[in-house]
Every structure is written in C-alpha cells, then in structure tokens.
N, C-alpha and C. Protein backbone atom coordinates (compact mmCIF):
# COMPACT_ATOMS: atom_id res chain seq x y z
N MET A 1 9.70 -2.42 -13.19
CA MET A 1 9.66 -3.03 -11.94
C MET A 1 8.43 -2.33 -11.07
N TYR A 2 7.73 -3.06 -10.34
CA TYR A 2 6.50 -2.64 -9.52
C TYR A 2 6.76 -2.74 -8.10
N ILE A 3 6.75 -1.51 -7.47
CA ILE A 3 7.14 -1.53 -6.08
C ILE A 3 6.08 -0.93 -5.23
N ALA A 4 5.60 -1.43 -4.13
CA ALA A 4 4.44 -0.90 -3.25
C ALA A 4 4.96 -0.70 -2.04
N PHE A 5 4.43 0.28 -1.41
CA PHE A 5 4.57 0.53 0.00
C PHE A 5 3.47 0.45 0.86
N GLU A 6 3.59 -0.18 2.03
CA GLU A 6 2.40 -0.58 2.89
C GLU A 6 2.76 -0.20 4.35
N GLY A 7 1.55 -0.21 5.05
CA GLY A 7 1.60 -0.05 6.42
C GLY A 7 0.30 0.68 6.97
N VAL A 8 0.28 0.81 8.33
CA VAL A 8 -0.91 1.44 9.04
C VAL A 8 -0.96 2.81 8.69
N GLU A 9 -2.16 3.52 9.04
CA GLU A 9 -2.12 5.00 8.89
C GLU A 9 -1.13 5.67 9.59
N GLY A 10 -0.53 6.67 8.89
CA GLY A 10 0.55 7.49 9.53
C GLY A 10 1.97 7.00 9.63
N CYS A 11 2.01 5.85 9.01
CA CYS A 11 3.41 5.21 9.19
C CYS A 11 4.55 5.84 8.50
N GLY A 12 4.12 6.69 7.57
CA GLY A 12 5.35 7.40 6.59
C GLY A 12 5.44 7.00 5.25
N LYS A 13 4.57 6.06 4.79
CA LYS A 13 4.67 5.29 3.53
C LYS A 13 4.66 6.35 2.29
N SER A 14 3.67 7.29 2.63
CA SER A 14 3.47 8.31 1.38
C SER A 14 4.66 9.22 1.21
N THR A 15 5.28 9.60 2.34
CA THR A 15 6.61 10.21 2.35
C THR A 15 7.63 9.48 1.58
N LEU A 16 7.90 8.33 2.13
CA LEU A 16 8.77 7.34 1.53
C LEU A 16 8.63 7.09 0.02
N CYS A 17 7.38 6.94 -0.33
CA CYS A 17 7.06 6.74 -1.84
C CYS A 17 7.63 7.98 -2.66
N ARG A 18 7.35 9.19 -2.10
CA ARG A 18 7.77 10.35 -2.78
C ARG A 18 9.42 10.51 -2.82
N LEU A 19 10.11 10.10 -1.70
CA LEU A 19 11.49 10.39 -1.60
C LEU A 19 12.01 9.29 -2.55
N THR A 20 11.55 8.11 -2.53
CA THR A 20 12.10 6.97 -3.36
C THR A 20 12.00 7.46 -4.87
N ALA A 21 10.87 7.83 -5.12
CA ALA A 21 10.61 8.27 -6.56
C ALA A 21 11.50 9.41 -6.98
N GLU A 22 11.78 10.36 -6.03
CA GLU A 22 12.56 11.54 -6.37
C GLU A 22 13.98 11.02 -6.41
N TRP A 23 14.45 10.01 -5.68
CA TRP A 23 15.91 9.58 -5.67
C TRP A 23 16.06 8.73 -6.97
N LEU A 24 15.07 7.68 -7.34
CA LEU A 24 15.34 7.03 -8.46
C LEU A 24 15.44 7.85 -9.72
N ARG A 25 14.44 8.85 -9.80
CA ARG A 25 14.55 9.78 -11.03
C ARG A 25 15.97 10.48 -11.06
N SER A 26 16.31 10.84 -9.85
CA SER A 26 17.78 11.60 -9.97
C SER A 26 18.97 10.76 -10.29
N ILE A 27 18.83 9.42 -10.22
CA ILE A 27 19.98 8.58 -10.86
C ILE A 27 19.66 8.13 -12.20
N GLY A 28 18.70 8.60 -12.86
CA GLY A 28 18.42 8.18 -14.18
C GLY A 28 17.23 7.45 -14.53
N ASN A 29 16.42 6.91 -13.49
CA ASN A 29 15.25 6.01 -13.91
C ASN A 29 14.01 6.80 -14.17
N LYS A 30 13.24 6.12 -14.91
CA LYS A 30 11.79 6.65 -15.36
C LYS A 30 11.00 6.05 -14.23
N VAL A 31 10.26 6.97 -13.75
CA VAL A 31 9.45 6.42 -12.47
C VAL A 31 7.92 7.02 -12.55
N VAL A 32 6.90 6.09 -12.32
CA VAL A 32 5.66 6.51 -12.22
C VAL A 32 5.18 6.31 -10.86
N LEU A 33 4.79 7.50 -10.26
CA LEU A 33 4.28 7.45 -8.95
C LEU A 33 2.87 7.44 -8.78
N THR A 34 2.11 6.47 -8.18
CA THR A 34 0.74 6.47 -8.01
C THR A 34 0.26 5.86 -6.69
N LYS A 35 -1.09 5.79 -6.55
CA LYS A 35 -1.64 5.27 -5.28
C LYS A 35 -2.81 4.63 -5.37
N GLU A 36 -3.10 3.74 -4.39
CA GLU A 36 -4.43 3.09 -4.18
C GLU A 36 -5.03 3.57 -2.77
N PRO A 37 -6.40 3.88 -2.68
CA PRO A 37 -7.16 4.21 -3.72
C PRO A 37 -6.95 5.70 -4.40
N GLY A 38 -7.36 5.86 -5.62
CA GLY A 38 -7.32 7.19 -6.18
C GLY A 38 -6.42 7.57 -7.24
N GLY A 39 -5.61 6.38 -7.71
CA GLY A 39 -4.63 6.61 -8.69
C GLY A 39 -5.12 7.04 -10.17
N THR A 40 -6.41 6.80 -10.47
CA THR A 40 -6.93 6.96 -11.76
C THR A 40 -8.23 8.03 -11.50
N GLN A 41 -8.80 8.52 -12.62
CA GLN A 41 -9.87 9.36 -12.63
C GLN A 41 -11.05 8.82 -11.79
N VAL A 42 -11.29 7.48 -12.35
CA VAL A 42 -12.40 6.66 -11.58
C VAL A 42 -12.06 6.55 -10.19
N GLY A 43 -10.75 6.23 -9.88
CA GLY A 43 -10.20 6.00 -8.47
C GLY A 43 -10.50 7.15 -7.74
N LYS A 44 -10.39 8.42 -8.20
CA LYS A 44 -10.44 9.55 -7.31
C LYS A 44 -11.95 9.60 -6.78
N LYS A 45 -12.81 9.10 -7.74
CA LYS A 45 -14.24 9.25 -7.27
C LYS A 45 -14.57 8.36 -6.18
N LEU A 46 -14.00 6.95 -6.37
CA LEU A 46 -14.07 5.93 -5.42
C LEU A 46 -13.25 6.23 -4.24
N ARG A 47 -12.29 6.94 -4.18
CA ARG A 47 -11.57 7.37 -3.02
C ARG A 47 -12.32 8.26 -2.07
N SER A 48 -13.01 9.21 -2.74
CA SER A 48 -13.96 10.17 -2.05
C SER A 48 -15.06 9.42 -1.23
N ILE A 49 -15.58 8.41 -1.94
CA ILE A 49 -16.69 7.54 -1.25
C ILE A 49 -16.02 6.77 -0.15
N LEU A 50 -14.82 6.18 -0.27
CA LEU A 50 -14.29 5.35 0.60
C LEU A 50 -13.85 5.94 1.90
N LEU A 51 -13.30 7.32 1.71
CA LEU A 51 -12.65 7.92 2.81
C LEU A 51 -13.61 8.84 3.44
N GLU A 52 -14.76 9.28 2.88
CA GLU A 52 -15.66 10.30 3.33
C GLU A 52 -17.09 9.65 3.70
N ASP A 53 -17.69 8.83 2.95
CA ASP A 53 -19.04 8.36 3.26
C ASP A 53 -19.02 7.17 4.14
N GLU A 54 -20.19 7.08 4.97
CA GLU A 54 -20.40 6.03 5.67
C GLU A 54 -21.03 4.85 4.86
N ILE A 55 -20.13 3.70 4.77
CA ILE A 55 -20.43 2.57 3.98
C ILE A 55 -20.41 1.37 4.75
N THR A 56 -20.99 0.16 4.28
CA THR A 56 -20.81 -0.98 5.02
C THR A 56 -19.54 -1.78 4.70
N PRO A 57 -18.92 -2.45 5.60
CA PRO A 57 -17.74 -3.26 5.39
C PRO A 57 -17.66 -3.99 4.04
N LEU A 58 -18.68 -4.59 3.48
CA LEU A 58 -18.68 -5.23 2.33
C LEU A 58 -18.64 -4.40 1.22
N THR A 59 -19.41 -3.17 1.34
CA THR A 59 -19.29 -2.14 0.20
C THR A 59 -17.83 -1.65 -0.05
N GLU A 60 -17.22 -1.35 1.23
CA GLU A 60 -15.84 -1.01 1.45
C GLU A 60 -15.07 -1.96 0.60
N LEU A 61 -15.05 -3.11 0.82
CA LEU A 61 -14.27 -4.24 0.13
C LEU A 61 -14.48 -4.05 -1.36
N PHE A 62 -15.72 -4.14 -1.77
CA PHE A 62 -15.84 -4.15 -3.23
C PHE A 62 -15.42 -2.97 -3.95
N LEU A 63 -15.54 -1.80 -3.35
CA LEU A 63 -15.04 -0.42 -3.75
C LEU A 63 -13.65 -0.37 -4.05
N TYR A 64 -12.89 -1.04 -2.80
CA TYR A 64 -11.46 -1.13 -3.07
C TYR A 64 -10.94 -2.03 -4.05
N LEU A 65 -11.71 -3.14 -4.29
CA LEU A 65 -11.41 -4.15 -5.23
C LEU A 65 -11.58 -3.60 -6.71
N ALA A 66 -12.77 -2.57 -6.92
CA ALA A 66 -12.97 -1.91 -8.17
C ALA A 66 -11.77 -0.94 -8.41
N ASP A 67 -11.49 -0.14 -7.41
CA ASP A 67 -10.48 0.89 -7.65
C ASP A 67 -9.11 0.18 -8.02
N ARG A 68 -8.92 -0.89 -7.46
CA ARG A 68 -7.52 -1.62 -7.74
C ARG A 68 -7.65 -2.16 -9.17
N ALA A 69 -8.74 -2.70 -9.59
CA ALA A 69 -9.01 -3.21 -11.07
C ALA A 69 -8.48 -2.20 -11.93
N GLN A 70 -9.28 -1.08 -11.75
CA GLN A 70 -8.97 0.20 -12.69
C GLN A 70 -7.55 0.75 -12.49
N HIS A 71 -7.11 0.71 -11.45
CA HIS A 71 -5.74 1.25 -11.14
C HIS A 71 -4.62 0.30 -11.94
N VAL A 72 -4.62 -1.02 -11.73
CA VAL A 72 -3.76 -1.82 -12.35
C VAL A 72 -3.83 -1.82 -13.95
N GLU A 73 -4.96 -1.85 -14.41
CA GLU A 73 -5.41 -1.84 -15.91
C GLU A 73 -4.91 -0.60 -16.50
N LYS A 74 -5.15 0.55 -15.83
CA LYS A 74 -4.95 1.90 -16.57
C LYS A 74 -3.60 2.53 -16.23
N ILE A 75 -3.05 2.34 -15.03
CA ILE A 75 -1.85 2.84 -14.54
C ILE A 75 -0.60 1.94 -14.52
N VAL A 76 -0.76 0.73 -13.84
CA VAL A 76 0.30 -0.11 -13.59
C VAL A 76 0.96 -0.84 -14.73
N LYS A 77 -0.15 -1.65 -15.27
CA LYS A 77 0.23 -2.46 -16.52
C LYS A 77 0.83 -1.64 -17.71
N PRO A 78 0.08 -0.60 -18.14
CA PRO A 78 0.71 0.18 -19.11
C PRO A 78 2.09 0.67 -19.08
N ASN A 79 2.53 0.99 -17.65
CA ASN A 79 3.85 1.43 -17.49
C ASN A 79 4.78 0.50 -17.00
N LEU A 80 4.44 -0.85 -17.03
CA LEU A 80 5.51 -1.90 -16.74
C LEU A 80 6.24 -2.29 -17.91
N GLU A 81 7.11 -1.35 -18.33
CA GLU A 81 7.94 -1.68 -19.54
C GLU A 81 9.32 -1.51 -19.00
N PRO A 82 10.34 -2.13 -19.87
CA PRO A 82 11.70 -2.07 -19.52
C PRO A 82 12.27 -0.55 -19.21
N GLY A 83 12.81 -0.49 -18.10
CA GLY A 83 13.35 0.71 -17.81
C GLY A 83 12.45 1.80 -16.94
N THR A 84 11.32 1.30 -16.67
CA THR A 84 10.25 2.09 -15.91
C THR A 84 9.92 1.34 -14.54
N ILE A 85 9.92 2.31 -13.61
CA ILE A 85 9.62 1.75 -12.24
C ILE A 85 8.25 2.39 -11.75
N VAL A 86 7.37 1.40 -11.47
CA VAL A 86 6.20 1.98 -10.89
C VAL A 86 6.17 1.87 -9.32
N ILE A 87 5.84 3.10 -8.71
CA ILE A 87 5.73 2.85 -7.27
C ILE A 87 4.48 3.34 -6.89
N SER A 88 3.89 2.41 -5.90
CA SER A 88 2.58 2.74 -5.65
C SER A 88 2.24 2.79 -4.10
N ASP A 89 1.53 3.75 -3.67
CA ASP A 89 1.26 3.89 -2.15
C ASP A 89 -0.01 2.93 -1.93
N ARG A 90 0.36 1.81 -1.48
CA ARG A 90 -0.60 0.68 -1.12
C ARG A 90 -0.84 -0.13 -2.38
N CYS A 91 -1.20 -1.38 -2.10
CA CYS A 91 -1.46 -2.45 -3.11
C CYS A 91 -2.55 -3.38 -2.52
N PHE A 92 -2.78 -4.39 -2.96
CA PHE A 92 -3.83 -5.48 -2.43
C PHE A 92 -3.45 -5.94 -0.94
N MET A 93 -2.21 -5.73 -0.61
CA MET A 93 -1.88 -6.12 0.87
C MET A 93 -2.64 -5.58 1.80
N SER A 94 -3.06 -4.25 1.62
CA SER A 94 -4.00 -3.31 2.39
C SER A 94 -5.36 -4.14 2.55
N THR A 95 -5.76 -4.63 1.54
CA THR A 95 -7.03 -5.13 1.50
C THR A 95 -7.00 -6.58 2.35
N LEU A 96 -5.96 -7.30 2.43
CA LEU A 96 -5.74 -8.52 3.26
C LEU A 96 -5.80 -7.95 4.79
N ALA A 97 -4.91 -6.83 5.09
CA ALA A 97 -4.98 -6.32 6.46
C ALA A 97 -6.16 -5.66 6.91
N TYR A 98 -6.89 -4.88 6.15
CA TYR A 98 -7.91 -4.06 6.45
C TYR A 98 -9.35 -4.82 6.50
N GLN A 99 -9.51 -5.28 5.40
CA GLN A 99 -11.00 -6.01 5.16
C GLN A 99 -10.93 -7.44 5.56
N GLY A 100 -9.71 -8.07 5.45
CA GLY A 100 -9.47 -9.45 5.86
C GLY A 100 -9.33 -9.64 7.29
N PHE A 101 -8.15 -9.25 7.71
CA PHE A 101 -7.92 -9.48 9.15
C PHE A 101 -8.57 -8.64 10.17
N ALA A 102 -8.70 -7.38 9.81
CA ALA A 102 -9.25 -6.36 10.84
C ALA A 102 -10.76 -6.41 10.76
N ARG A 103 -11.26 -6.29 9.56
CA ARG A 103 -12.68 -6.30 9.47
C ARG A 103 -13.33 -7.72 9.55
N GLY A 104 -12.56 -8.63 9.20
CA GLY A 104 -12.95 -10.12 9.34
C GLY A 104 -14.14 -10.46 8.29
N ILE A 105 -14.02 -9.85 7.14
CA ILE A 105 -15.14 -9.84 6.14
C ILE A 105 -15.22 -11.49 5.68
N MET A 106 -13.98 -12.02 5.24
CA MET A 106 -13.90 -13.26 4.92
C MET A 106 -12.35 -13.77 5.23
N GLU A 107 -12.09 -15.17 4.95
CA GLU A 107 -10.92 -15.66 5.43
C GLU A 107 -9.81 -14.96 4.44
N PRO A 108 -8.67 -14.64 4.97
CA PRO A 108 -7.54 -13.95 4.07
C PRO A 108 -7.32 -14.72 2.98
N GLU A 109 -7.21 -16.17 2.89
CA GLU A 109 -6.88 -16.96 1.71
C GLU A 109 -8.09 -16.81 0.58
N GLU A 110 -9.17 -16.69 0.95
CA GLU A 110 -10.27 -16.26 0.00
C GLU A 110 -10.19 -15.07 -0.49
N LEU A 111 -10.08 -14.02 0.43
CA LEU A 111 -9.72 -12.71 0.13
C LEU A 111 -8.70 -12.49 -1.07
N LEU A 112 -7.60 -13.14 -0.60
CA LEU A 112 -6.42 -13.12 -1.59
C LEU A 112 -6.83 -13.54 -3.12
N LYS A 113 -7.69 -14.47 -3.03
CA LYS A 113 -8.08 -14.92 -4.65
C LYS A 113 -8.87 -13.74 -5.25
N LEU A 114 -9.81 -12.97 -4.40
CA LEU A 114 -10.52 -11.90 -5.07
C LEU A 114 -9.45 -10.65 -5.41
N CYS A 115 -8.55 -10.47 -4.59
CA CYS A 115 -7.52 -9.39 -4.81
C CYS A 115 -6.73 -9.82 -6.13
N LEU A 116 -6.39 -11.11 -6.21
CA LEU A 116 -5.67 -11.42 -7.50
C LEU A 116 -6.62 -11.41 -8.68
N LEU A 117 -7.90 -11.65 -8.59
CA LEU A 117 -8.89 -11.47 -9.55
C LEU A 117 -8.91 -10.04 -10.12
N SER A 118 -8.85 -9.13 -9.10
CA SER A 118 -8.95 -7.74 -9.35
C SER A 118 -7.69 -7.25 -10.12
N THR A 119 -6.51 -7.84 -9.93
CA THR A 119 -5.33 -7.31 -10.57
C THR A 119 -4.95 -8.38 -11.84
N LYS A 120 -5.85 -9.18 -11.94
CA LYS A 120 -5.45 -10.40 -13.01
C LYS A 120 -4.17 -11.09 -12.88
N GLY A 121 -4.02 -11.16 -11.49
CA GLY A 121 -2.71 -11.98 -11.06
C GLY A 121 -1.58 -11.18 -10.88
N LEU A 122 -1.69 -9.88 -11.27
CA LEU A 122 -0.41 -9.15 -11.08
C LEU A 122 -0.10 -8.67 -9.63
N ILE A 123 1.00 -8.88 -9.17
CA ILE A 123 1.45 -8.47 -7.91
C ILE A 123 2.80 -7.68 -7.87
N PRO A 124 3.03 -6.84 -6.88
CA PRO A 124 4.15 -5.93 -6.96
C PRO A 124 5.53 -6.95 -6.93
N ASP A 125 6.57 -6.61 -7.60
CA ASP A 125 7.81 -7.29 -7.47
C ASP A 125 8.40 -7.12 -6.16
N LEU A 126 8.00 -6.09 -5.41
CA LEU A 126 8.58 -5.77 -4.03
C LEU A 126 7.51 -4.90 -3.38
N ILE A 127 7.23 -5.35 -2.13
CA ILE A 127 6.30 -4.75 -1.13
C ILE A 127 7.23 -4.36 0.14
N ILE A 128 7.18 -2.95 0.40
CA ILE A 128 8.04 -2.67 1.45
C ILE A 128 6.86 -2.19 2.65
N LEU A 129 6.94 -3.05 3.73
CA LEU A 129 5.98 -2.87 4.88
C LEU A 129 6.55 -2.02 6.02
N ILE A 130 6.10 -0.86 6.41
CA ILE A 130 6.61 0.01 7.41
C ILE A 130 5.82 -0.28 8.73
N ASP A 131 6.45 -1.11 9.53
CA ASP A 131 5.84 -1.63 10.74
C ASP A 131 5.92 -0.73 12.00
N ILE A 132 4.75 -0.10 12.44
CA ILE A 132 4.83 0.71 13.65
C ILE A 132 3.63 0.70 14.52
N ASP A 133 3.80 0.72 15.63
CA ASP A 133 2.51 0.85 16.73
C ASP A 133 1.61 1.94 16.14
N PRO A 134 0.33 1.68 16.10
CA PRO A 134 -0.60 2.71 15.62
C PRO A 134 -0.92 3.73 16.60
N LYS A 135 -0.59 3.36 17.86
CA LYS A 135 -0.81 4.45 18.91
C LYS A 135 0.30 5.57 18.68
N VAL A 136 1.47 5.26 18.09
CA VAL A 136 2.30 6.33 17.69
C VAL A 136 2.00 6.93 16.29
N SER A 137 1.64 6.15 15.32
CA SER A 137 1.59 6.78 14.01
C SER A 137 0.22 7.45 13.82
N LEU A 138 -0.73 7.10 14.47
CA LEU A 138 -2.10 7.92 14.45
C LEU A 138 -1.90 9.39 15.00
N LYS A 139 -1.00 9.55 15.89
CA LYS A 139 -0.74 10.97 16.36
C LYS A 139 -0.05 11.88 15.60
N ARG A 140 0.14 11.36 14.25
CA ARG A 140 0.80 12.23 13.19
C ARG A 140 -0.23 12.72 12.37
N ILE A 141 -1.47 12.20 12.37
CA ILE A 141 -2.63 12.56 11.42
C ILE A 141 -3.18 13.84 12.05
N GLU A 142 -3.39 14.86 11.34
CA GLU A 142 -4.06 16.11 11.65
C GLU A 142 -5.53 16.03 11.34
N LYS A 143 -5.92 15.73 10.21
CA LYS A 143 -7.22 15.71 9.68
C LYS A 143 -7.71 14.37 9.33
N PRO A 144 -8.07 13.44 10.30
CA PRO A 144 -8.34 12.10 9.98
C PRO A 144 -9.59 11.89 9.01
N ASP A 145 -9.50 10.89 8.15
CA ASP A 145 -10.50 10.59 7.25
C ASP A 145 -11.32 9.41 7.87
N ARG A 146 -12.35 8.97 7.18
CA ARG A 146 -13.13 7.87 7.85
C ARG A 146 -12.39 6.64 8.38
N ILE A 147 -11.53 6.09 7.57
CA ILE A 147 -10.76 4.95 8.01
C ILE A 147 -9.82 5.40 9.17
N GLU A 148 -9.21 6.49 9.09
CA GLU A 148 -8.36 6.99 10.27
C GLU A 148 -9.05 7.20 11.61
N ARG A 149 -10.34 7.48 11.50
CA ARG A 149 -11.12 7.68 12.70
C ARG A 149 -11.55 6.35 13.34
N GLU A 150 -11.33 5.36 12.89
CA GLU A 150 -11.53 3.97 13.50
C GLU A 150 -10.91 3.97 14.81
N PRO A 151 -11.42 3.41 15.87
CA PRO A 151 -10.73 3.08 17.25
C PRO A 151 -9.51 2.62 17.04
N VAL A 152 -8.42 2.81 17.99
CA VAL A 152 -6.94 2.34 17.94
C VAL A 152 -6.95 0.88 17.70
N GLU A 153 -7.95 0.18 18.41
CA GLU A 153 -8.14 -1.27 18.39
C GLU A 153 -8.30 -1.77 17.06
N PHE A 154 -8.94 -1.11 16.21
CA PHE A 154 -9.19 -1.54 14.65
C PHE A 154 -7.59 -1.51 14.06
N HIS A 155 -7.08 -0.40 14.40
CA HIS A 155 -5.73 -0.08 13.69
C HIS A 155 -4.70 -1.10 14.21
N GLU A 156 -4.84 -1.45 15.49
CA GLU A 156 -3.89 -2.55 15.99
C GLU A 156 -4.14 -3.85 15.28
N LYS A 157 -5.45 -4.36 15.05
CA LYS A 157 -5.77 -5.37 14.19
C LYS A 157 -5.19 -5.22 12.75
N VAL A 158 -5.22 -4.15 12.22
CA VAL A 158 -4.74 -4.00 10.81
C VAL A 158 -3.17 -4.22 10.89
N ARG A 159 -2.43 -3.68 12.01
CA ARG A 159 -1.03 -3.77 11.96
C ARG A 159 -0.86 -5.49 11.98
N LYS A 160 -1.45 -6.18 12.89
CA LYS A 160 -1.41 -7.56 13.13
C LYS A 160 -1.67 -8.20 11.74
N GLY A 161 -2.61 -7.60 10.99
CA GLY A 161 -2.92 -8.26 9.74
C GLY A 161 -1.94 -8.07 8.83
N PHE A 162 -1.24 -6.87 8.74
CA PHE A 162 -0.18 -6.75 7.88
C PHE A 162 0.98 -7.79 8.07
N LEU A 163 1.23 -7.98 9.24
CA LEU A 163 2.41 -8.95 9.62
C LEU A 163 1.97 -10.41 9.35
N GLN A 164 0.67 -10.78 9.59
CA GLN A 164 0.12 -11.90 9.19
C GLN A 164 0.28 -12.29 7.73
N ALA A 165 -0.10 -11.02 6.91
CA ALA A 165 -0.15 -11.37 5.39
C ALA A 165 1.32 -11.56 4.88
N THR A 166 2.27 -11.02 5.70
CA THR A 166 3.69 -11.30 5.05
C THR A 166 4.00 -12.76 5.07
N LYS A 167 3.21 -13.61 5.76
CA LYS A 167 3.40 -15.02 5.77
C LYS A 167 2.74 -15.76 4.52
N MET A 168 1.88 -14.88 3.97
CA MET A 168 1.07 -15.31 2.71
C MET A 168 1.89 -14.95 1.38
N LEU A 169 2.93 -14.03 1.65
CA LEU A 169 3.64 -13.56 0.37
C LEU A 169 4.96 -13.71 0.62
N ASP A 170 5.67 -13.80 -0.58
CA ASP A 170 7.22 -13.97 -0.40
C ASP A 170 8.00 -12.76 -1.03
N ASN A 171 7.37 -11.76 -1.12
CA ASN A 171 8.09 -10.48 -1.79
C ASN A 171 7.97 -9.27 -0.73
N VAL A 172 7.81 -9.49 0.39
CA VAL A 172 7.69 -8.36 1.30
C VAL A 172 8.94 -8.11 2.26
N LYS A 173 9.34 -7.00 2.34
CA LYS A 173 10.42 -6.60 3.21
C LYS A 173 9.87 -5.70 4.26
N VAL A 174 10.14 -5.95 5.64
CA VAL A 174 9.65 -5.20 6.65
C VAL A 174 10.70 -4.34 7.34
N ILE A 175 10.29 -3.03 7.36
CA ILE A 175 11.16 -2.24 8.20
C ILE A 175 10.40 -1.65 9.35
N GLN A 176 11.24 -1.22 10.45
CA GLN A 176 10.63 -0.83 11.65
C GLN A 176 10.39 0.80 11.38
N GLY A 177 9.11 1.27 11.77
CA GLY A 177 8.70 2.67 11.40
C GLY A 177 8.98 3.59 12.58
N ASN A 178 9.50 3.19 13.74
CA ASN A 178 9.72 4.14 14.73
C ASN A 178 11.19 4.67 14.57
N LYS A 179 11.49 5.10 13.56
CA LYS A 179 12.87 6.07 13.13
C LYS A 179 12.40 7.36 12.24
N SER A 180 13.29 7.94 12.25
CA SER A 180 13.10 9.28 11.35
C SER A 180 12.90 8.85 9.87
N ILE A 181 12.20 9.61 9.25
CA ILE A 181 12.18 9.43 7.75
C ILE A 181 13.39 9.20 7.06
N GLN A 182 14.23 9.92 7.37
CA GLN A 182 15.65 9.89 6.63
C GLN A 182 16.26 8.55 7.01
N GLU A 183 16.07 8.02 8.14
CA GLU A 183 16.62 6.79 8.43
C GLU A 183 16.09 5.60 7.75
N LEU A 184 14.49 5.90 7.72
CA LEU A 184 13.83 4.76 7.01
C LEU A 184 14.06 4.89 5.54
N PHE A 185 14.34 5.99 5.01
CA PHE A 185 14.65 6.15 3.50
C PHE A 185 15.96 5.49 3.20
N GLU A 186 17.03 5.54 4.05
CA GLU A 186 18.19 4.95 3.88
C GLU A 186 17.95 3.34 3.71
N GLU A 187 17.14 2.90 4.69
CA GLU A 187 16.75 1.34 4.77
C GLU A 187 16.17 1.04 3.40
N VAL A 188 15.21 1.91 2.84
CA VAL A 188 14.71 1.62 1.62
C VAL A 188 15.72 1.56 0.48
N LYS A 189 16.41 2.52 0.52
CA LYS A 189 17.70 2.43 -0.44
C LYS A 189 18.48 1.16 -0.42
N SER A 190 18.70 0.84 0.81
CA SER A 190 19.47 -0.55 0.92
C SER A 190 18.67 -1.71 0.42
N ILE A 191 17.43 -1.79 0.75
CA ILE A 191 16.49 -2.78 0.17
C ILE A 191 16.44 -2.89 -1.17
N LEU A 192 16.42 -1.66 -1.91
CA LEU A 192 16.41 -1.59 -3.47
C LEU A 192 17.84 -1.96 -3.93
N ALA A 193 18.89 -1.63 -3.31
CA ALA A 193 20.25 -2.06 -3.82
C ALA A 193 20.34 -3.39 -3.66
N GLU A 194 19.69 -4.17 -2.63
CA GLU A 194 19.76 -5.61 -2.61
C GLU A 194 19.00 -6.37 -3.68
N VAL A 195 17.79 -5.84 -3.86
CA VAL A 195 16.94 -6.49 -4.71
C VAL A 195 17.10 -6.20 -6.24
N ALA A 196 17.53 -5.12 -6.47
CA ALA A 196 17.83 -4.52 -8.00
C ALA A 196 19.10 -3.78 -7.93
N PRO A 197 20.37 -4.61 -7.87
CA PRO A 197 21.63 -3.89 -7.78
C PRO A 197 21.88 -2.88 -8.87
N ASN A 198 21.16 -2.88 -9.98
CA ASN A 198 21.44 -1.71 -10.99
C ASN A 198 20.95 -0.37 -10.54
N PHE A 199 20.24 -0.33 -9.46
CA PHE A 199 19.87 1.11 -8.99
C PHE A 199 21.07 1.64 -8.46
C-alpha cells in the first residue's frame, strides 16, 4: 500500500508520517518511510537546490518532477510488495498545488499529465491532506527554507490549490489541521482502519 501525506508548510504532515510509520510497525507491518523531495541520493541533491537556491518557477517544476521520477522508480515501486506499506511525506499533489494553482505555471489538468508521466502512472492508494490556515501553520517554522519564505499570500493560494486538487482525485481524505498532533493522529488511524481494515 502506498500512502502519502500532504498539506501546506508547517501543517504537521512530517510528524504524522513518522507517528503513522511507528504505529504500523508496532502492530506488525513492514513500513518504508520516505519523502519528496529528497527520498533518494539524487533527490537529496535536488532538494538542496530546490529549498536553498534561487531558481525560476519553471526550473522548480522540472526539478520536482525529476525528483519524483527518481523517487518512484528507486524507492516507491521496489517496495510496493505484499505486506509492505510505503509512507511518503508529499507526492505529486504538491506539484498541483504549488506549481499549478499557486505559481500558475500551467493548467492543473495539463500539469497532472506531467506528474503522471514522472510516476509512470503510479498514484498513492491514499492521500491524507491536512488542511490548515497558513497564517497558523507558518508560525510553527523556526528556520524557513526558500519555499517557506514565500509571502503568506502564496501559501494561501497553495492551500486553495490543495483543496481544488481534491476535486481532481478520488483517493484523498481531508482532515482539519487546527488540532493537536495526537488528535490528528487518532483521525489518521481511523481513516486507515476504514480504508484498510486489516490494520
């Protein structure tokens, strides 16, 4: 099973990824925890460029697509075997929200085609989107990177982009992020119990 967590900066998805992986392992599952960008050796180099260097929006888009192509081919696909759960901190939905809806590089429908090209058609079985006001979530970040330093108006567009993207996908569960991490984690467990009762 392939599960991805999504949301604006500071929404808590990385912590929820870790907690979910720890919980699933504790009840006997084999779990691979990974992330985009930076889940592979090549991806680590791309992540450094993406989050630290000043690059154009189009360069940003193609670097994210390159990272994802490498990530899916080297990490996700090889681990999608019976009995293994792949949990990813972000997936192609971020590209739809950030580069599509927020940056406006191209129409989301066309961008989705590029995203699916980079994954060779592979999409997560489940995407959990943590929805929260960026004015709240950005305050949680101590040392912001290039993306996190974008003005709050940009992040508000990203949030709207994620919500718009849910209309393009049929495998997204939205949870409200203005709760404690423990409350959010309990919601995640409930979602997983619903979509995969064997957990």
